[in-house]
Amino acid sequence: MSEIDNTHAKTPEAIGKVTTEEQLQAVTVGERKPLNGSVTIADYDPAWPELFEREAEKIRAALGERIVLLKHAGSTSVPGLAAKPILDILLVVPNSADEAAYVSALEGAGYVLRIREPEWHEHRMLKGDNPAVNLHVFSPGCPEVERMLLFRDWIRRNEADRLLYEHTKRELACKTWKYTQNYADAKTLVVEEILARAVKEA
């Protein structure tokens, strides 16, 4: 399994900083496996939206009315953008800290809880396979939800920033990383630069 790989910096102070081994261990549920290699970036696959819809149906069947918001996020949600072949799915439930209300239902649908971050918006991340999925869970009103969707929508319509982001990802992916999170940390400065433009336009 890959590690955390959040798209955005968690605090202004975290921008450009590397997540430590201790920080990774503190939020990881289960065994943590290092990457110790490069990151795979695939050309955009037109099947990604269809795969999202398939996963969304599984999640809807598992949670029903407990879903506040369910969206395709991350690079695989942006037509034409190269990405790690892992679907990022954004799920908002009434209270992401209340794991008993949703985790077991999602586990029954084939997902596994891998990340628990009570100090960062009570974020939880579950992973799925076939296709590979990072399912990010937040509560209503979480500012990270707005940031994720703003970033997605901006690079969907802004070709220059989409190309900048893709170039950055491809350049960084070729390097050797101990953890996938280290690759994600390295992207943060460019992500924040793009987000600043998106916020200004918004």
N, C-alpha and C. Protein backbone atom coordinates (compact mmCIF):
# COMPACT_ATOMS: atom_id res chain seq x y z
N MET A 1 0.83 -1.19 0.00
CA MET A 1 0.00 0.00 0.00
C MET A 1 0.87 1.25 0.00
N SER A 2 0.39 2.29 -0.65
CA SER A 2 1.12 3.55 -0.64
C SER A 2 0.82 4.28 0.66
N GLU A 3 1.59 5.32 0.92
CA GLU A 3 1.42 6.06 2.15
C GLU A 3 0.43 7.20 1.95
N ILE A 4 0.46 8.21 2.78
CA ILE A 4 -0.61 9.20 2.89
C ILE A 4 -0.84 9.98 1.61
N ASP A 5 0.15 10.74 1.18
CA ASP A 5 0.07 11.49 -0.06
C ASP A 5 -1.13 12.44 -0.11
N ASN A 6 -1.26 13.32 0.87
CA ASN A 6 -2.27 14.36 0.81
C ASN A 6 -1.88 15.40 -0.23
N THR A 7 -2.86 15.98 -0.91
CA THR A 7 -2.58 16.93 -1.97
C THR A 7 -2.11 18.26 -1.43
N HIS A 8 -2.61 18.69 -0.29
CA HIS A 8 -2.36 20.04 0.18
C HIS A 8 -1.61 20.06 1.50
N ALA A 9 -0.88 21.15 1.73
CA ALA A 9 -0.19 21.31 3.00
C ALA A 9 -1.20 21.44 4.13
N LYS A 10 -0.84 20.97 5.31
CA LYS A 10 -1.79 20.96 6.41
C LYS A 10 -1.81 22.27 7.19
N THR A 11 -0.72 22.96 7.25
CA THR A 11 -0.67 24.27 7.88
C THR A 11 0.29 25.12 7.07
N PRO A 12 0.18 26.46 7.16
CA PRO A 12 1.15 27.30 6.45
C PRO A 12 2.59 26.98 6.85
N GLU A 13 2.79 26.60 8.12
CA GLU A 13 4.14 26.29 8.58
C GLU A 13 4.68 25.01 7.94
N ALA A 14 3.78 24.13 7.46
CA ALA A 14 4.20 22.84 6.91
C ALA A 14 4.64 22.92 5.46
N ILE A 15 4.37 24.07 4.82
CA ILE A 15 4.68 24.18 3.39
C ILE A 15 6.17 23.99 3.15
N GLY A 16 6.50 23.06 2.28
CA GLY A 16 7.89 22.81 1.92
C GLY A 16 8.64 21.93 2.90
N LYS A 17 8.00 21.51 3.97
CA LYS A 17 8.67 20.67 4.96
C LYS A 17 8.38 19.20 4.71
N VAL A 18 9.30 18.36 5.10
CA VAL A 18 9.17 16.92 4.91
C VAL A 18 8.49 16.30 6.12
N THR A 19 7.50 15.45 5.88
CA THR A 19 6.84 14.72 6.95
C THR A 19 7.83 13.73 7.55
N THR A 20 7.96 13.73 8.87
CA THR A 20 8.94 12.87 9.51
C THR A 20 8.42 11.44 9.65
N GLU A 21 9.36 10.54 9.90
CA GLU A 21 9.02 9.13 10.14
C GLU A 21 8.05 9.00 11.31
N GLU A 22 8.30 9.79 12.36
CA GLU A 22 7.45 9.73 13.55
C GLU A 22 6.03 10.21 13.23
N GLN A 23 5.92 11.26 12.43
CA GLN A 23 4.60 11.76 12.05
C GLN A 23 3.83 10.73 11.22
N LEU A 24 4.52 10.08 10.30
CA LEU A 24 3.87 9.04 9.50
C LEU A 24 3.39 7.89 10.37
N GLN A 25 4.25 7.47 11.29
CA GLN A 25 3.88 6.35 12.16
C GLN A 25 2.68 6.70 13.03
N ALA A 26 2.62 7.95 13.50
CA ALA A 26 1.57 8.37 14.42
C ALA A 26 0.18 8.31 13.79
N VAL A 27 0.10 8.52 12.48
CA VAL A 27 -1.22 8.58 11.85
C VAL A 27 -1.56 7.32 11.06
N THR A 28 -0.61 6.40 10.92
CA THR A 28 -0.84 5.21 10.11
C THR A 28 -1.52 4.12 10.93
N VAL A 29 -2.55 3.52 10.34
CA VAL A 29 -3.23 2.38 10.95
C VAL A 29 -2.71 1.12 10.27
N GLY A 30 -2.13 0.21 11.04
CA GLY A 30 -1.55 -0.99 10.45
C GLY A 30 -0.10 -0.79 10.06
N GLU A 31 0.42 -1.72 9.27
CA GLU A 31 1.82 -1.71 8.89
C GLU A 31 2.11 -0.61 7.88
N ARG A 32 3.21 0.08 8.07
CA ARG A 32 3.63 1.11 7.13
C ARG A 32 4.75 0.55 6.26
N LYS A 33 4.55 0.59 4.95
CA LYS A 33 5.54 0.03 4.04
C LYS A 33 6.19 1.15 3.24
N PRO A 34 7.52 1.24 3.28
CA PRO A 34 8.21 2.29 2.51
C PRO A 34 8.14 2.02 1.01
N LEU A 35 8.24 3.09 0.24
CA LEU A 35 8.27 2.99 -1.21
C LEU A 35 9.68 2.65 -1.69
N ASN A 36 10.67 3.43 -1.20
CA ASN A 36 12.06 3.23 -1.58
C ASN A 36 12.23 3.14 -3.10
N GLY A 37 11.65 4.08 -3.80
CA GLY A 37 11.75 4.08 -5.26
C GLY A 37 11.09 5.30 -5.85
N SER A 38 10.87 5.26 -7.13
CA SER A 38 10.22 6.36 -7.82
C SER A 38 8.70 6.17 -7.76
N VAL A 39 7.98 7.22 -8.15
CA VAL A 39 6.52 7.21 -8.14
C VAL A 39 6.02 7.01 -9.57
N THR A 40 5.05 6.14 -9.74
CA THR A 40 4.49 5.88 -11.07
C THR A 40 3.46 6.95 -11.42
N ILE A 41 3.70 7.63 -12.52
CA ILE A 41 2.75 8.61 -13.06
C ILE A 41 2.27 8.08 -14.41
N ALA A 42 0.97 7.96 -14.55
CA ALA A 42 0.38 7.44 -15.79
C ALA A 42 -0.28 8.56 -16.58
N ASP A 43 -0.28 8.43 -17.90
CA ASP A 43 -1.05 9.36 -18.72
C ASP A 43 -2.51 9.28 -18.33
N TYR A 44 -3.25 10.36 -18.58
CA TYR A 44 -4.66 10.38 -18.23
C TYR A 44 -5.40 9.21 -18.87
N ASP A 45 -6.24 8.56 -18.08
CA ASP A 45 -7.02 7.42 -18.55
C ASP A 45 -8.50 7.81 -18.56
N PRO A 46 -9.15 7.82 -19.73
CA PRO A 46 -10.57 8.19 -19.80
C PRO A 46 -11.48 7.27 -18.99
N ALA A 47 -10.96 6.13 -18.55
CA ALA A 47 -11.76 5.22 -17.73
C ALA A 47 -11.85 5.67 -16.28
N TRP A 48 -11.00 6.61 -15.85
CA TRP A 48 -11.00 7.00 -14.44
C TRP A 48 -12.36 7.52 -13.95
N PRO A 49 -13.05 8.40 -14.70
CA PRO A 49 -14.38 8.83 -14.21
C PRO A 49 -15.36 7.66 -14.08
N GLU A 50 -15.29 6.71 -14.99
CA GLU A 50 -16.17 5.55 -14.91
C GLU A 50 -15.85 4.70 -13.69
N LEU A 51 -14.56 4.56 -13.40
CA LEU A 51 -14.16 3.80 -12.21
C LEU A 51 -14.63 4.51 -10.94
N PHE A 52 -14.55 5.85 -10.96
CA PHE A 52 -15.06 6.59 -9.81
C PHE A 52 -16.55 6.32 -9.60
N GLU A 53 -17.32 6.36 -10.68
CA GLU A 53 -18.75 6.14 -10.55
C GLU A 53 -19.05 4.75 -9.99
N ARG A 54 -18.25 3.78 -10.39
CA ARG A 54 -18.43 2.43 -9.87
C ARG A 54 -18.17 2.38 -8.37
N GLU A 55 -17.08 3.05 -7.94
CA GLU A 55 -16.75 3.09 -6.52
C GLU A 55 -17.79 3.89 -5.75
N ALA A 56 -18.27 4.98 -6.35
CA ALA A 56 -19.27 5.81 -5.69
C ALA A 56 -20.54 5.01 -5.41
N GLU A 57 -20.91 4.15 -6.34
CA GLU A 57 -22.10 3.31 -6.13
C GLU A 57 -21.88 2.36 -4.95
N LYS A 58 -20.69 1.81 -4.82
CA LYS A 58 -20.38 0.94 -3.68
C LYS A 58 -20.50 1.70 -2.37
N ILE A 59 -19.98 2.93 -2.37
CA ILE A 59 -20.00 3.75 -1.15
C ILE A 59 -21.43 4.15 -0.80
N ARG A 60 -22.20 4.53 -1.82
CA ARG A 60 -23.60 4.89 -1.57
C ARG A 60 -24.39 3.69 -1.02
N ALA A 61 -24.12 2.52 -1.58
CA ALA A 61 -24.81 1.32 -1.10
C ALA A 61 -24.44 1.00 0.34
N ALA A 62 -23.18 1.30 0.70
CA ALA A 62 -22.71 0.99 2.06
C ALA A 62 -23.21 2.00 3.09
N LEU A 63 -23.28 3.28 2.70
CA LEU A 63 -23.55 4.33 3.69
C LEU A 63 -24.92 4.98 3.56
N GLY A 64 -25.51 4.96 2.39
CA GLY A 64 -26.83 5.54 2.21
C GLY A 64 -26.90 7.00 2.63
N GLU A 65 -27.84 7.33 3.53
CA GLU A 65 -28.09 8.71 3.93
C GLU A 65 -27.00 9.29 4.83
N ARG A 66 -26.03 8.47 5.21
CA ARG A 66 -24.93 9.00 6.02
C ARG A 66 -23.97 9.83 5.17
N ILE A 67 -24.13 9.83 3.86
CA ILE A 67 -23.27 10.60 2.98
C ILE A 67 -23.78 12.04 2.88
N VAL A 68 -22.91 12.98 3.24
CA VAL A 68 -23.21 14.40 3.08
C VAL A 68 -22.73 14.89 1.72
N LEU A 69 -21.56 14.40 1.30
CA LEU A 69 -20.97 14.79 0.01
C LEU A 69 -20.07 13.66 -0.46
N LEU A 70 -20.09 13.41 -1.76
CA LEU A 70 -19.24 12.36 -2.34
C LEU A 70 -18.78 12.85 -3.70
N LYS A 71 -17.46 13.09 -3.85
CA LYS A 71 -16.93 13.68 -5.07
C LYS A 71 -15.65 12.98 -5.52
N HIS A 72 -15.42 12.98 -6.82
CA HIS A 72 -14.15 12.56 -7.39
C HIS A 72 -13.20 13.74 -7.26
N ALA A 73 -12.05 13.53 -6.64
CA ALA A 73 -11.09 14.60 -6.42
C ALA A 73 -9.71 14.14 -6.88
N GLY A 74 -8.70 14.99 -6.67
CA GLY A 74 -7.35 14.62 -7.04
C GLY A 74 -7.12 14.63 -8.53
N SER A 75 -5.94 14.23 -8.94
CA SER A 75 -5.53 14.34 -10.34
C SER A 75 -6.33 13.47 -11.29
N THR A 76 -6.79 12.30 -10.83
CA THR A 76 -7.56 11.44 -11.73
C THR A 76 -8.92 12.03 -12.07
N SER A 77 -9.32 13.10 -11.37
CA SER A 77 -10.59 13.75 -11.66
C SER A 77 -10.46 14.90 -12.66
N VAL A 78 -9.24 15.11 -13.15
CA VAL A 78 -8.99 16.23 -14.07
C VAL A 78 -8.69 15.69 -15.47
N PRO A 79 -9.62 15.86 -16.40
CA PRO A 79 -9.39 15.35 -17.76
C PRO A 79 -8.08 15.86 -18.36
N GLY A 80 -7.31 14.93 -18.91
CA GLY A 80 -6.06 15.28 -19.57
C GLY A 80 -4.85 15.35 -18.67
N LEU A 81 -5.03 15.23 -17.37
CA LEU A 81 -3.91 15.36 -16.44
C LEU A 81 -3.32 13.99 -16.09
N ALA A 82 -2.01 13.87 -16.24
CA ALA A 82 -1.33 12.64 -15.83
C ALA A 82 -1.42 12.51 -14.31
N ALA A 83 -1.42 11.27 -13.82
CA ALA A 83 -1.61 11.08 -12.38
C ALA A 83 -1.09 9.73 -11.94
N LYS A 84 -0.86 9.60 -10.63
CA LYS A 84 -0.70 8.26 -10.07
C LYS A 84 -2.01 7.53 -10.32
N PRO A 85 -1.99 6.29 -10.77
CA PRO A 85 -3.24 5.58 -11.07
C PRO A 85 -3.96 5.12 -9.81
N ILE A 86 -4.29 6.08 -8.97
CA ILE A 86 -5.03 5.86 -7.73
C ILE A 86 -6.14 6.89 -7.66
N LEU A 87 -7.38 6.45 -7.56
CA LEU A 87 -8.50 7.38 -7.49
C LEU A 87 -8.56 8.02 -6.11
N ASP A 88 -8.61 9.35 -6.08
CA ASP A 88 -8.88 10.06 -4.83
C ASP A 88 -10.36 10.36 -4.78
N ILE A 89 -11.01 9.89 -3.72
CA ILE A 89 -12.43 10.13 -3.54
C ILE A 89 -12.63 10.92 -2.25
N LEU A 90 -13.43 11.96 -2.32
CA LEU A 90 -13.71 12.84 -1.20
C LEU A 90 -15.09 12.48 -0.64
N LEU A 91 -15.13 12.11 0.63
CA LEU A 91 -16.37 11.73 1.29
C LEU A 91 -16.56 12.59 2.53
N VAL A 92 -17.72 13.22 2.64
CA VAL A 92 -18.07 13.97 3.84
C VAL A 92 -19.22 13.23 4.53
N VAL A 93 -19.02 12.95 5.82
CA VAL A 93 -20.03 12.29 6.65
C VAL A 93 -20.36 13.23 7.80
N PRO A 94 -21.44 12.99 8.54
CA PRO A 94 -21.81 13.91 9.62
C PRO A 94 -20.71 14.17 10.64
N ASN A 95 -19.90 13.15 10.95
CA ASN A 95 -18.81 13.32 11.92
C ASN A 95 -17.72 12.31 11.59
N SER A 96 -16.66 12.77 10.97
CA SER A 96 -15.61 11.83 10.56
C SER A 96 -14.88 11.21 11.75
N ALA A 97 -14.96 11.84 12.92
CA ALA A 97 -14.33 11.28 14.11
C ALA A 97 -15.10 10.08 14.65
N ASP A 98 -16.37 9.97 14.30
CA ASP A 98 -17.21 8.87 14.76
C ASP A 98 -17.04 7.68 13.82
N GLU A 99 -15.93 6.98 13.96
CA GLU A 99 -15.61 5.89 13.05
C GLU A 99 -16.64 4.77 13.09
N ALA A 100 -17.25 4.57 14.24
CA ALA A 100 -18.23 3.50 14.37
C ALA A 100 -19.43 3.70 13.45
N ALA A 101 -19.66 4.96 13.05
CA ALA A 101 -20.83 5.27 12.23
C ALA A 101 -20.63 4.95 10.75
N TYR A 102 -19.38 4.71 10.33
CA TYR A 102 -19.18 4.50 8.89
C TYR A 102 -18.06 3.55 8.52
N VAL A 103 -17.04 3.37 9.36
CA VAL A 103 -15.87 2.59 8.94
C VAL A 103 -16.23 1.13 8.70
N SER A 104 -16.98 0.52 9.59
CA SER A 104 -17.29 -0.90 9.41
C SER A 104 -18.11 -1.12 8.14
N ALA A 105 -19.01 -0.19 7.83
CA ALA A 105 -19.80 -0.30 6.60
C ALA A 105 -18.91 -0.21 5.37
N LEU A 106 -17.92 0.67 5.42
CA LEU A 106 -17.00 0.79 4.29
C LEU A 106 -16.07 -0.42 4.20
N GLU A 107 -15.69 -0.96 5.35
CA GLU A 107 -14.89 -2.18 5.34
C GLU A 107 -15.67 -3.32 4.69
N GLY A 108 -16.97 -3.36 4.92
CA GLY A 108 -17.79 -4.37 4.28
C GLY A 108 -17.86 -4.21 2.77
N ALA A 109 -17.57 -2.99 2.30
CA ALA A 109 -17.54 -2.72 0.86
C ALA A 109 -16.15 -2.89 0.27
N GLY A 110 -15.19 -3.34 1.11
CA GLY A 110 -13.85 -3.63 0.60
C GLY A 110 -12.78 -2.61 0.90
N TYR A 111 -13.09 -1.60 1.70
CA TYR A 111 -12.09 -0.59 2.04
C TYR A 111 -11.41 -0.92 3.37
N VAL A 112 -10.20 -0.38 3.56
CA VAL A 112 -9.43 -0.63 4.78
C VAL A 112 -8.97 0.71 5.34
N LEU A 113 -9.23 0.95 6.63
CA LEU A 113 -8.77 2.18 7.27
C LEU A 113 -7.26 2.17 7.40
N ARG A 114 -6.61 3.21 6.85
CA ARG A 114 -5.15 3.25 6.87
C ARG A 114 -4.59 4.51 7.55
N ILE A 115 -5.36 5.60 7.56
CA ILE A 115 -4.87 6.86 8.13
C ILE A 115 -5.92 7.42 9.07
N ARG A 116 -5.44 7.86 10.26
CA ARG A 116 -6.30 8.52 11.24
C ARG A 116 -5.56 9.77 11.71
N GLU A 117 -6.14 10.95 11.43
CA GLU A 117 -5.49 12.21 11.77
C GLU A 117 -6.44 13.10 12.58
N PRO A 118 -6.59 12.81 13.88
CA PRO A 118 -7.51 13.61 14.70
C PRO A 118 -7.13 15.08 14.81
N GLU A 119 -5.84 15.39 14.68
CA GLU A 119 -5.41 16.78 14.83
C GLU A 119 -5.47 17.57 13.53
N TRP A 120 -5.82 16.91 12.43
CA TRP A 120 -5.96 17.61 11.14
C TRP A 120 -7.35 17.34 10.59
N HIS A 121 -8.31 18.18 11.04
CA HIS A 121 -9.69 18.12 10.56
C HIS A 121 -10.34 16.75 10.79
N GLU A 122 -9.82 15.96 11.75
CA GLU A 122 -10.35 14.60 11.98
C GLU A 122 -10.40 13.81 10.66
N HIS A 123 -9.37 13.99 9.85
CA HIS A 123 -9.27 13.29 8.56
C HIS A 123 -9.07 11.79 8.77
N ARG A 124 -9.78 11.00 8.00
CA ARG A 124 -9.54 9.57 7.92
C ARG A 124 -9.33 9.22 6.46
N MET A 125 -8.48 8.23 6.19
CA MET A 125 -8.33 7.76 4.82
C MET A 125 -8.41 6.25 4.80
N LEU A 126 -9.28 5.75 3.94
CA LEU A 126 -9.40 4.31 3.72
C LEU A 126 -8.89 4.01 2.33
N LYS A 127 -8.33 2.83 2.17
CA LYS A 127 -7.81 2.43 0.86
C LYS A 127 -8.64 1.29 0.29
N GLY A 128 -8.77 1.33 -1.03
CA GLY A 128 -9.45 0.26 -1.74
C GLY A 128 -8.56 -0.26 -2.85
N ASP A 129 -8.85 -1.46 -3.30
CA ASP A 129 -8.09 -2.07 -4.39
C ASP A 129 -9.04 -2.45 -5.53
N ASN A 130 -8.48 -2.51 -6.72
CA ASN A 130 -9.23 -2.96 -7.90
C ASN A 130 -10.51 -2.17 -8.14
N PRO A 131 -10.38 -0.87 -8.45
CA PRO A 131 -9.16 -0.10 -8.66
C PRO A 131 -8.58 0.42 -7.34
N ALA A 132 -7.35 0.90 -7.41
CA ALA A 132 -6.72 1.50 -6.24
C ALA A 132 -7.44 2.80 -5.91
N VAL A 133 -7.79 2.97 -4.63
CA VAL A 133 -8.55 4.14 -4.19
C VAL A 133 -7.97 4.67 -2.89
N ASN A 134 -7.87 5.99 -2.78
CA ASN A 134 -7.65 6.67 -1.52
C ASN A 134 -8.96 7.39 -1.21
N LEU A 135 -9.67 6.94 -0.19
CA LEU A 135 -10.96 7.51 0.19
C LEU A 135 -10.76 8.42 1.39
N HIS A 136 -10.84 9.73 1.14
CA HIS A 136 -10.60 10.74 2.18
C HIS A 136 -11.92 11.12 2.83
N VAL A 137 -11.99 11.06 4.17
CA VAL A 137 -13.23 11.31 4.89
C VAL A 137 -13.06 12.54 5.79
N PHE A 138 -14.00 13.48 5.66
CA PHE A 138 -14.03 14.69 6.47
C PHE A 138 -15.44 14.93 6.98
N SER A 139 -15.58 15.96 7.83
CA SER A 139 -16.88 16.37 8.36
C SER A 139 -17.36 17.63 7.64
N PRO A 140 -18.65 17.95 7.73
CA PRO A 140 -19.17 19.17 7.10
C PRO A 140 -18.46 20.42 7.63
N GLY A 141 -18.25 21.38 6.74
CA GLY A 141 -17.62 22.63 7.12
C GLY A 141 -16.11 22.59 7.16
N CYS A 142 -15.51 21.45 6.85
CA CYS A 142 -14.05 21.34 6.88
C CYS A 142 -13.44 22.17 5.74
N PRO A 143 -12.52 23.07 6.04
CA PRO A 143 -11.94 23.90 4.98
C PRO A 143 -11.16 23.12 3.94
N GLU A 144 -10.66 21.95 4.31
CA GLU A 144 -9.89 21.16 3.35
C GLU A 144 -10.77 20.65 2.22
N VAL A 145 -12.04 20.42 2.49
CA VAL A 145 -12.97 20.00 1.44
C VAL A 145 -13.06 21.08 0.37
N GLU A 146 -13.22 22.31 0.82
CA GLU A 146 -13.31 23.43 -0.12
C GLU A 146 -12.01 23.59 -0.91
N ARG A 147 -10.87 23.43 -0.25
CA ARG A 147 -9.58 23.56 -0.92
C ARG A 147 -9.39 22.48 -1.99
N MET A 148 -9.75 21.24 -1.66
CA MET A 148 -9.59 20.15 -2.61
C MET A 148 -10.43 20.38 -3.86
N LEU A 149 -11.66 20.82 -3.66
CA LEU A 149 -12.55 21.03 -4.81
C LEU A 149 -12.16 22.28 -5.59
N LEU A 150 -11.69 23.31 -4.89
CA LEU A 150 -11.24 24.51 -5.58
C LEU A 150 -10.04 24.20 -6.46
N PHE A 151 -9.08 23.43 -5.92
CA PHE A 151 -7.89 23.06 -6.69
C PHE A 151 -8.29 22.22 -7.91
N ARG A 152 -9.15 21.24 -7.70
CA ARG A 152 -9.61 20.40 -8.80
C ARG A 152 -10.28 21.23 -9.90
N ASP A 153 -11.21 22.08 -9.50
CA ASP A 153 -11.96 22.86 -10.49
C ASP A 153 -11.07 23.85 -11.24
N TRP A 154 -10.09 24.41 -10.51
CA TRP A 154 -9.20 25.37 -11.15
C TRP A 154 -8.34 24.71 -12.22
N ILE A 155 -7.70 23.58 -11.90
CA ILE A 155 -6.83 22.98 -12.90
C ILE A 155 -7.63 22.27 -14.00
N ARG A 156 -8.90 22.02 -13.77
CA ARG A 156 -9.74 21.51 -14.86
C ARG A 156 -9.89 22.56 -15.97
N ARG A 157 -9.95 23.84 -15.57
CA ARG A 157 -10.23 24.87 -16.58
C ARG A 157 -9.02 25.76 -16.90
N ASN A 158 -7.93 25.65 -16.13
CA ASN A 158 -6.77 26.50 -16.37
C ASN A 158 -5.64 25.64 -16.95
N GLU A 159 -5.46 25.72 -18.25
CA GLU A 159 -4.49 24.86 -18.92
C GLU A 159 -3.06 25.12 -18.45
N ALA A 160 -2.70 26.39 -18.26
CA ALA A 160 -1.32 26.71 -17.86
C ALA A 160 -0.97 26.07 -16.52
N ASP A 161 -1.86 26.18 -15.57
CA ASP A 161 -1.57 25.59 -14.26
C ASP A 161 -1.68 24.07 -14.29
N ARG A 162 -2.53 23.54 -15.14
CA ARG A 162 -2.60 22.07 -15.30
C ARG A 162 -1.28 21.55 -15.84
N LEU A 163 -0.73 22.23 -16.83
CA LEU A 163 0.55 21.81 -17.40
C LEU A 163 1.69 21.99 -16.40
N LEU A 164 1.65 23.08 -15.63
CA LEU A 164 2.67 23.31 -14.60
C LEU A 164 2.63 22.19 -13.57
N TYR A 165 1.44 21.83 -13.14
CA TYR A 165 1.29 20.79 -12.13
C TYR A 165 1.77 19.44 -12.67
N GLU A 166 1.41 19.13 -13.90
CA GLU A 166 1.84 17.86 -14.49
C GLU A 166 3.35 17.81 -14.65
N HIS A 167 3.94 18.90 -15.12
CA HIS A 167 5.40 18.94 -15.28
C HIS A 167 6.08 18.72 -13.94
N THR A 168 5.58 19.37 -12.90
CA THR A 168 6.16 19.23 -11.56
C THR A 168 6.06 17.79 -11.09
N LYS A 169 4.91 17.18 -11.28
CA LYS A 169 4.72 15.80 -10.83
C LYS A 169 5.65 14.84 -11.57
N ARG A 170 5.72 15.00 -12.87
CA ARG A 170 6.59 14.09 -13.64
C ARG A 170 8.05 14.25 -13.25
N GLU A 171 8.47 15.48 -13.03
CA GLU A 171 9.86 15.74 -12.66
C GLU A 171 10.19 15.14 -11.30
N LEU A 172 9.29 15.31 -10.34
CA LEU A 172 9.52 14.79 -8.99
C LEU A 172 9.37 13.27 -8.93
N ALA A 173 8.47 12.73 -9.72
CA ALA A 173 8.20 11.29 -9.67
C ALA A 173 9.41 10.46 -10.05
N CYS A 174 10.29 11.01 -10.85
CA CYS A 174 11.47 10.27 -11.31
C CYS A 174 12.50 10.06 -10.19
N LYS A 175 12.40 10.84 -9.14
CA LYS A 175 13.38 10.74 -8.06
C LYS A 175 13.04 9.54 -7.16
N THR A 176 13.97 9.20 -6.30
CA THR A 176 13.77 8.10 -5.36
C THR A 176 13.26 8.66 -4.04
N TRP A 177 12.14 8.09 -3.57
CA TRP A 177 11.50 8.56 -2.33
C TRP A 177 11.36 7.39 -1.37
N LYS A 178 11.63 7.66 -0.09
CA LYS A 178 11.45 6.60 0.90
C LYS A 178 9.96 6.29 1.07
N TYR A 179 9.15 7.36 1.12
CA TYR A 179 7.70 7.20 1.24
C TYR A 179 7.01 8.06 0.18
N THR A 180 5.85 7.63 -0.25
CA THR A 180 5.09 8.42 -1.21
C THR A 180 4.76 9.79 -0.64
N GLN A 181 4.59 9.88 0.69
CA GLN A 181 4.31 11.16 1.32
C GLN A 181 5.42 12.16 1.07
N ASN A 182 6.67 11.69 0.98
CA ASN A 182 7.79 12.59 0.71
C ASN A 182 7.65 13.24 -0.66
N TYR A 183 7.17 12.47 -1.63
CA TYR A 183 6.87 13.01 -2.96
C TYR A 183 5.76 14.05 -2.87
N ALA A 184 4.72 13.75 -2.09
CA ALA A 184 3.62 14.69 -1.92
C ALA A 184 4.10 15.98 -1.27
N ASP A 185 4.97 15.86 -0.26
CA ASP A 185 5.52 17.05 0.38
C ASP A 185 6.27 17.92 -0.62
N ALA A 186 7.00 17.29 -1.53
CA ALA A 186 7.81 18.04 -2.50
C ALA A 186 6.95 18.83 -3.47
N LYS A 187 5.70 18.40 -3.67
CA LYS A 187 4.79 19.12 -4.58
C LYS A 187 4.14 20.33 -3.93
N THR A 188 4.27 20.46 -2.62
CA THR A 188 3.45 21.41 -1.88
C THR A 188 3.61 22.85 -2.33
N LEU A 189 4.84 23.27 -2.58
CA LEU A 189 5.06 24.67 -2.97
C LEU A 189 4.31 25.02 -4.25
N VAL A 190 4.35 24.12 -5.23
CA VAL A 190 3.64 24.37 -6.49
C VAL A 190 2.13 24.32 -6.28
N VAL A 191 1.67 23.37 -5.47
CA VAL A 191 0.24 23.29 -5.18
C VAL A 191 -0.25 24.58 -4.55
N GLU A 192 0.50 25.10 -3.58
CA GLU A 192 0.09 26.33 -2.91
C GLU A 192 0.14 27.53 -3.85
N GLU A 193 1.11 27.54 -4.75
CA GLU A 193 1.19 28.61 -5.75
C GLU A 193 -0.05 28.61 -6.65
N ILE A 194 -0.44 27.43 -7.08
CA ILE A 194 -1.62 27.30 -7.94
C ILE A 194 -2.89 27.66 -7.16
N LEU A 195 -2.99 27.19 -5.92
CA LEU A 195 -4.14 27.48 -5.10
C LEU A 195 -4.29 28.98 -4.85
N ALA A 196 -3.18 29.67 -4.68
CA ALA A 196 -3.24 31.11 -4.46
C ALA A 196 -3.89 31.81 -5.66
N ARG A 197 -3.55 31.37 -6.85
CA ARG A 197 -4.19 31.95 -8.04
C ARG A 197 -5.68 31.62 -8.10
N ALA A 198 -6.00 30.38 -7.74
CA ALA A 198 -7.41 29.99 -7.74
C ALA A 198 -8.22 30.79 -6.73
N VAL A 199 -7.65 30.99 -5.54
CA VAL A 199 -8.35 31.77 -4.51
C VAL A 199 -8.53 33.21 -4.96
N LYS A 200 -7.51 33.77 -5.58
CA LYS A 200 -7.60 35.15 -6.06
C LYS A 200 -8.72 35.30 -7.08
N GLU A 201 -8.83 34.35 -8.00
CA GLU A 201 -9.88 34.40 -9.01
C GLU A 201 -11.26 34.19 -8.39
N ALA A 202 -11.32 33.31 -7.38
CA ALA A 202 -12.60 33.03 -6.73
C ALA A 202 -13.10 34.25 -5.97
